[in-house]
PDB file of all heavy atoms in Angstrom:
ATOM      1  N   ILE A   1      22.740 -28.652 -37.915  1.00  0.00           N
ATOM      2  CA  ILE A   1      23.692 -27.934 -37.011  1.00  0.00           C
ATOM      3  C   ILE A   1      25.071 -28.460 -37.234  1.00  0.00           C
ATOM      4  O   ILE A   1      25.258 -29.675 -37.374  1.00  0.00           O
ATOM      5  CB  ILE A   1      23.252 -28.053 -35.523  1.00  0.00           C
ATOM      6  CG1 ILE A   1      21.909 -27.314 -35.319  1.00  0.00           C
ATOM      7  CG2 ILE A   1      24.339 -27.389 -34.594  1.00  0.00           C
ATOM      8  CD1 ILE A   1      21.340 -27.435 -34.011  1.00  0.00           C
ATOM      9  N   ASN A   2      26.086 -27.613 -37.346  1.00  0.00           N
ATOM     10  CA  ASN A   2      27.497 -27.952 -37.452  1.00  0.00           C
ATOM     11  C   ASN A   2      28.287 -27.035 -36.587  1.00  0.00           C
ATOM     12  O   ASN A   2      27.757 -26.145 -35.869  1.00  0.00           O
ATOM     13  CB  ASN A   2      27.857 -27.872 -38.961  1.00  0.00           C
ATOM     14  CG  ASN A   2      27.486 -26.540 -39.587  1.00  0.00           C
ATOM     15  OD1 ASN A   2      27.756 -25.459 -38.968  1.00  0.00           O
ATOM     16  ND2 ASN A   2      26.836 -26.572 -40.775  1.00  0.00           N
ATOM     17  N   ALA A   3      29.548 -27.230 -36.600  1.00  0.00           N
ATOM     18  CA  ALA A   3      30.456 -26.421 -35.758  1.00  0.00           C
ATOM     19  C   ALA A   3      30.437 -24.966 -36.136  1.00  0.00           C
ATOM     20  O   ALA A   3      30.692 -24.107 -35.270  1.00  0.00           O
ATOM     21  CB  ALA A   3      31.887 -26.914 -35.926  1.00  0.00           C
ATOM     22  N   ALA A   4      30.068 -24.646 -37.372  1.00  0.00           N
ATOM     23  CA  ALA A   4      30.062 -23.198 -37.744  1.00  0.00           C
ATOM     24  C   ALA A   4      28.827 -22.467 -37.238  1.00  0.00           C
ATOM     25  O   ALA A   4      28.920 -21.308 -36.793  1.00  0.00           O
ATOM     26  CB  ALA A   4      30.071 -23.067 -39.283  1.00  0.00           C
ATOM     27  N   ASN A   5      27.626 -23.118 -37.222  1.00  0.00           N
ATOM     28  CA  ASN A   5      26.451 -22.501 -36.857  1.00  0.00           C
ATOM     29  C   ASN A   5      25.964 -22.789 -35.410  1.00  0.00           C
ATOM     30  O   ASN A   5      25.075 -22.171 -34.903  1.00  0.00           O
ATOM     31  CB  ASN A   5      25.319 -22.720 -37.810  1.00  0.00           C
ATOM     32  CG  ASN A   5      24.959 -24.176 -37.966  1.00  0.00           C
ATOM     33  OD1 ASN A   5      24.948 -24.932 -36.998  1.00  0.00           O
ATOM     34  ND2 ASN A   5      24.528 -24.625 -39.197  1.00  0.00           N
ATOM     35  N   ALA A   6      26.690 -23.705 -34.740  1.00  0.00           N
ATOM     36  CA  ALA A   6      26.349 -24.045 -33.346  1.00  0.00           C
ATOM     37  C   ALA A   6      26.282 -22.850 -32.450  1.00  0.00           C
ATOM     38  O   ALA A   6      25.394 -22.676 -31.599  1.00  0.00           O
ATOM     39  CB  ALA A   6      27.151 -25.141 -32.814  1.00  0.00           C
ATOM     40  N   PRO A   7      27.338 -21.920 -32.508  1.00  0.00           N
ATOM     41  CA  PRO A   7      27.254 -20.744 -31.630  1.00  0.00           C
ATOM     42  C   PRO A   7      26.094 -19.892 -31.774  1.00  0.00           C
ATOM     43  O   PRO A   7      25.582 -19.341 -30.700  1.00  0.00           O
ATOM     44  CB  PRO A   7      28.576 -19.968 -32.046  1.00  0.00           C
ATOM     45  CG  PRO A   7      29.471 -21.027 -32.572  1.00  0.00           C
ATOM     46  CD  PRO A   7      28.584 -22.014 -33.259  1.00  0.00           C
ATOM     47  N   SER A   8      25.558 -19.809 -33.034  1.00  0.00           N
ATOM     48  CA  SER A   8      24.312 -18.938 -33.204  1.00  0.00           C
ATOM     49  C   SER A   8      23.109 -19.584 -32.459  1.00  0.00           C
ATOM     50  O   SER A   8      22.245 -18.898 -32.039  1.00  0.00           O
ATOM     51  CB  SER A   8      24.054 -18.849 -34.674  1.00  0.00           C
ATOM     52  OG  SER A   8      23.675 -19.992 -35.268  1.00  0.00           O
ATOM     53  N   VAL A   9      22.976 -20.903 -32.419  1.00  0.00           N
ATOM     54  CA  VAL A   9      21.975 -21.635 -31.654  1.00  0.00           C
ATOM     55  C   VAL A   9      22.130 -21.380 -30.223  1.00  0.00           C
ATOM     56  O   VAL A   9      21.118 -21.108 -29.500  1.00  0.00           O
ATOM     57  CB  VAL A   9      22.063 -23.128 -32.031  1.00  0.00           C
ATOM     58  CG1 VAL A   9      20.985 -23.890 -31.173  1.00  0.00           C
ATOM     59  CG2 VAL A   9      21.884 -23.424 -33.531  1.00  0.00           C
ATOM     60  N   MET A  10      23.369 -21.359 -29.723  1.00  0.00           N
ATOM     61  CA  MET A  10      23.548 -21.138 -28.289  1.00  0.00           C
ATOM     62  C   MET A  10      23.188 -19.678 -27.914  1.00  0.00           C
ATOM     63  O   MET A  10      22.654 -19.455 -26.800  1.00  0.00           O
ATOM     64  CB  MET A  10      25.010 -21.309 -27.946  1.00  0.00           C
ATOM     65  CG  MET A  10      25.517 -22.809 -28.181  1.00  0.00           C
ATOM     66  SD  MET A  10      24.616 -24.029 -27.133  1.00  0.00           S
ATOM     67  CE  MET A  10      25.224 -23.599 -25.542  1.00  0.00           C
ATOM     68  N   LYS A  11      23.323 -18.772 -28.824  1.00  0.00           N
ATOM     69  CA  LYS A  11      22.998 -17.405 -28.515  1.00  0.00           C
ATOM     70  C   LYS A  11      21.597 -17.165 -28.334  1.00  0.00           C
ATOM     71  O   LYS A  11      21.079 -16.181 -27.762  1.00  0.00           O
ATOM     72  CB  LYS A  11      23.515 -16.473 -29.714  1.00  0.00           C
ATOM     73  CG  LYS A  11      24.991 -16.202 -29.643  1.00  0.00           C
ATOM     74  CD  LYS A  11      25.367 -15.376 -30.903  1.00  0.00           C
ATOM     75  CE  LYS A  11      26.953 -15.170 -30.857  1.00  0.00           C
ATOM     76  NZ  LYS A  11      27.360 -14.375 -32.095  1.00  0.00           N
ATOM     77  N   GLU A  12      20.664 -18.105 -28.838  1.00  0.00           N
ATOM     78  CA  GLU A  12      19.232 -18.039 -28.609  1.00  0.00           C
ATOM     79  C   GLU A  12      18.814 -18.623 -27.301  1.00  0.00           C
ATOM     80  O   GLU A  12      17.608 -18.715 -26.926  1.00  0.00           O
ATOM     81  CB  GLU A  12      18.488 -18.740 -29.713  1.00  0.00           C
ATOM     82  CG  GLU A  12      18.812 -18.172 -31.103  1.00  0.00           C
ATOM     83  CD  GLU A  12      18.419 -16.808 -31.305  1.00  0.00           C
ATOM     84  OE1 GLU A  12      17.508 -16.354 -30.613  1.00  0.00           O
ATOM     85  OE2 GLU A  12      19.014 -16.079 -32.127  1.00  0.00           O
ATOM     86  N   GLY A  13      19.740 -19.098 -26.413  1.00  0.00           N
ATOM     87  CA  GLY A  13      19.513 -19.587 -25.108  1.00  0.00           C
ATOM     88  C   GLY A  13      19.498 -21.078 -25.021  1.00  0.00           C
ATOM     89  O   GLY A  13      19.176 -21.608 -23.944  1.00  0.00           O
ATOM     90  N   ALA A  14      19.824 -21.820 -26.066  1.00  0.00           N
ATOM     91  CA  ALA A  14      19.913 -23.293 -26.056  1.00  0.00           C
ATOM     92  C   ALA A  14      20.981 -23.689 -25.062  1.00  0.00           C
ATOM     93  O   ALA A  14      21.912 -23.076 -24.813  1.00  0.00           O
ATOM     94  CB  ALA A  14      20.211 -23.788 -27.434  1.00  0.00           C
ATOM     95  N   SER A  15      20.707 -24.890 -24.510  1.00  0.00           N
ATOM     96  CA  SER A  15      21.635 -25.460 -23.597  1.00  0.00           C
ATOM     97  C   SER A  15      22.690 -26.309 -24.230  1.00  0.00           C
ATOM     98  O   SER A  15      23.724 -26.657 -23.654  1.00  0.00           O
ATOM     99  CB  SER A  15      20.935 -26.336 -22.561  1.00  0.00           C
ATOM    100  OG  SER A  15      20.072 -25.578 -21.767  1.00  0.00           O
ATOM    101  N   GLY A  16      22.493 -26.553 -25.526  1.00  0.00           N
ATOM    102  CA  GLY A  16      23.480 -27.318 -26.303  1.00  0.00           C
ATOM    103  C   GLY A  16      22.871 -27.608 -27.688  1.00  0.00           C
ATOM    104  O   GLY A  16      21.835 -27.065 -28.103  1.00  0.00           O
ATOM    105  N   VAL A  17      23.627 -28.494 -28.432  1.00  0.00           N
ATOM    106  CA  VAL A  17      23.265 -28.822 -29.808  1.00  0.00           C
ATOM    107  C   VAL A  17      23.303 -30.315 -30.064  1.00  0.00           C
ATOM    108  O   VAL A  17      24.017 -31.030 -29.307  1.00  0.00           O
ATOM    109  CB  VAL A  17      24.058 -28.051 -30.840  1.00  0.00           C
ATOM    110  CG1 VAL A  17      23.967 -26.552 -30.704  1.00  0.00           C
ATOM    111  CG2 VAL A  17      25.531 -28.449 -30.756  1.00  0.00           C
ATOM    112  N   CYS A  18      22.661 -30.760 -31.085  1.00  0.00           N
ATOM    113  CA  CYS A  18      22.714 -32.151 -31.523  1.00  0.00           C
ATOM    114  C   CYS A  18      23.351 -32.151 -32.967  1.00  0.00           C
ATOM    115  O   CYS A  18      23.002 -31.358 -33.802  1.00  0.00           O
ATOM    116  CB  CYS A  18      21.363 -32.778 -31.598  1.00  0.00           C
ATOM    117  SG  CYS A  18      20.419 -32.706 -30.063  1.00  0.00           S
ATOM    118  N   ILE A  19      24.277 -33.122 -33.165  1.00  0.00           N
ATOM    119  CA  ILE A  19      24.875 -33.204 -34.539  1.00  0.00           C
ATOM    120  C   ILE A  19      24.878 -34.702 -34.898  1.00  0.00           C
ATOM    121  O   ILE A  19      25.229 -35.558 -34.138  1.00  0.00           O
ATOM    122  CB  ILE A  19      26.353 -32.705 -34.556  1.00  0.00           C
ATOM    123  CG1 ILE A  19      26.364 -31.156 -34.260  1.00  0.00           C
ATOM    124  CG2 ILE A  19      27.018 -32.953 -35.842  1.00  0.00           C
ATOM    125  CD1 ILE A  19      27.764 -30.539 -34.192  1.00  0.00           C
ATOM    126  N   MET A  20      24.418 -34.924 -36.109  1.00  0.00           N
ATOM    127  CA  MET A  20      24.381 -36.311 -36.636  1.00  0.00           C
ATOM    128  C   MET A  20      25.329 -36.500 -37.714  1.00  0.00           C
ATOM    129  O   MET A  20      26.342 -37.235 -37.637  1.00  0.00           O
ATOM    130  CB  MET A  20      22.935 -36.626 -37.154  1.00  0.00           C
ATOM    131  CG  MET A  20      22.865 -37.959 -37.796  1.00  0.00           C
ATOM    132  SD  MET A  20      21.269 -38.322 -38.562  1.00  0.00           S
ATOM    133  CE  MET A  20      20.179 -38.457 -37.111  1.00  0.00           C
ATOM    134  N   SER A  21      25.211 -35.773 -38.887  1.00  0.00           N
ATOM    135  CA  SER A  21      26.046 -35.936 -40.063  1.00  0.00           C
ATOM    136  C   SER A  21      27.498 -35.829 -39.832  1.00  0.00           C
ATOM    137  O   SER A  21      28.365 -36.575 -40.325  1.00  0.00           O
ATOM    138  CB  SER A  21      25.528 -35.033 -41.190  1.00  0.00           C
ATOM    139  OG  SER A  21      24.220 -35.326 -41.566  1.00  0.00           O
ATOM    140  N   GLY A  22      27.912 -34.753 -39.058  1.00  0.00           N
ATOM    141  CA  GLY A  22      29.288 -34.595 -38.804  1.00  0.00           C
ATOM    142  C   GLY A  22      29.971 -35.813 -38.153  1.00  0.00           C
ATOM    143  O   GLY A  22      31.070 -36.162 -38.580  1.00  0.00           O
ATOM    144  N   PHE A  23      29.383 -36.326 -37.167  1.00  0.00           N
ATOM    145  CA  PHE A  23      29.953 -37.410 -36.484  1.00  0.00           C
ATOM    146  C   PHE A  23      29.888 -38.766 -37.267  1.00  0.00           C
ATOM    147  O   PHE A  23      30.774 -39.593 -37.270  1.00  0.00           O
ATOM    148  CB  PHE A  23      29.306 -37.646 -35.057  1.00  0.00           C
ATOM    149  CG  PHE A  23      29.648 -36.587 -34.059  1.00  0.00           C
ATOM    150  CD1 PHE A  23      28.749 -35.661 -33.625  1.00  0.00           C
ATOM    151  CD2 PHE A  23      30.965 -36.544 -33.583  1.00  0.00           C
ATOM    152  CE1 PHE A  23      29.097 -34.750 -32.695  1.00  0.00           C
ATOM    153  CE2 PHE A  23      31.335 -35.636 -32.616  1.00  0.00           C
ATOM    154  CZ  PHE A  23      30.405 -34.671 -32.224  1.00  0.00           C
ATOM    155  N   MET A  24      28.831 -38.891 -38.055  1.00  0.00           N
ATOM    156  CA  MET A  24      28.608 -40.138 -38.786  1.00  0.00           C
ATOM    157  C   MET A  24      29.475 -40.126 -40.105  1.00  0.00           C
ATOM    158  O   MET A  24      29.899 -41.226 -40.533  1.00  0.00           O
ATOM    159  CB  MET A  24      27.135 -40.271 -39.230  1.00  0.00           C
ATOM    160  CG  MET A  24      26.227 -40.585 -38.004  1.00  0.00           C
ATOM    161  SD  MET A  24      26.436 -42.157 -37.161  1.00  0.00           S
ATOM    162  CE  MET A  24      27.346 -41.627 -35.698  1.00  0.00           C
ATOM    163  N   ARG A  25      29.713 -38.950 -40.699  1.00  0.00           N
ATOM    164  CA  ARG A  25      30.365 -38.937 -41.977  1.00  0.00           C
ATOM    165  C   ARG A  25      31.800 -38.556 -41.959  1.00  0.00           C
ATOM    166  O   ARG A  25      32.471 -38.561 -43.037  1.00  0.00           O
ATOM    167  CB  ARG A  25      29.579 -37.945 -42.884  1.00  0.00           C
ATOM    168  CG  ARG A  25      28.237 -38.422 -43.352  1.00  0.00           C
ATOM    169  CD  ARG A  25      27.554 -37.385 -44.176  1.00  0.00           C
ATOM    170  NE  ARG A  25      26.333 -37.950 -44.688  1.00  0.00           N
ATOM    171  CZ  ARG A  25      25.344 -37.142 -45.196  1.00  0.00           C
ATOM    172  NH1 ARG A  25      25.486 -35.812 -45.255  1.00  0.00           N
ATOM    173  NH2 ARG A  25      24.238 -37.697 -45.703  1.00  0.00           N
TER     174      ARG A  25
END
């Protein structure tokens, strides 16, 4: 999950997202 595809995850009813690589790299 990244900033580009996070909105598509939210559209499925998710309460939020988790991001690892973006913050670490």
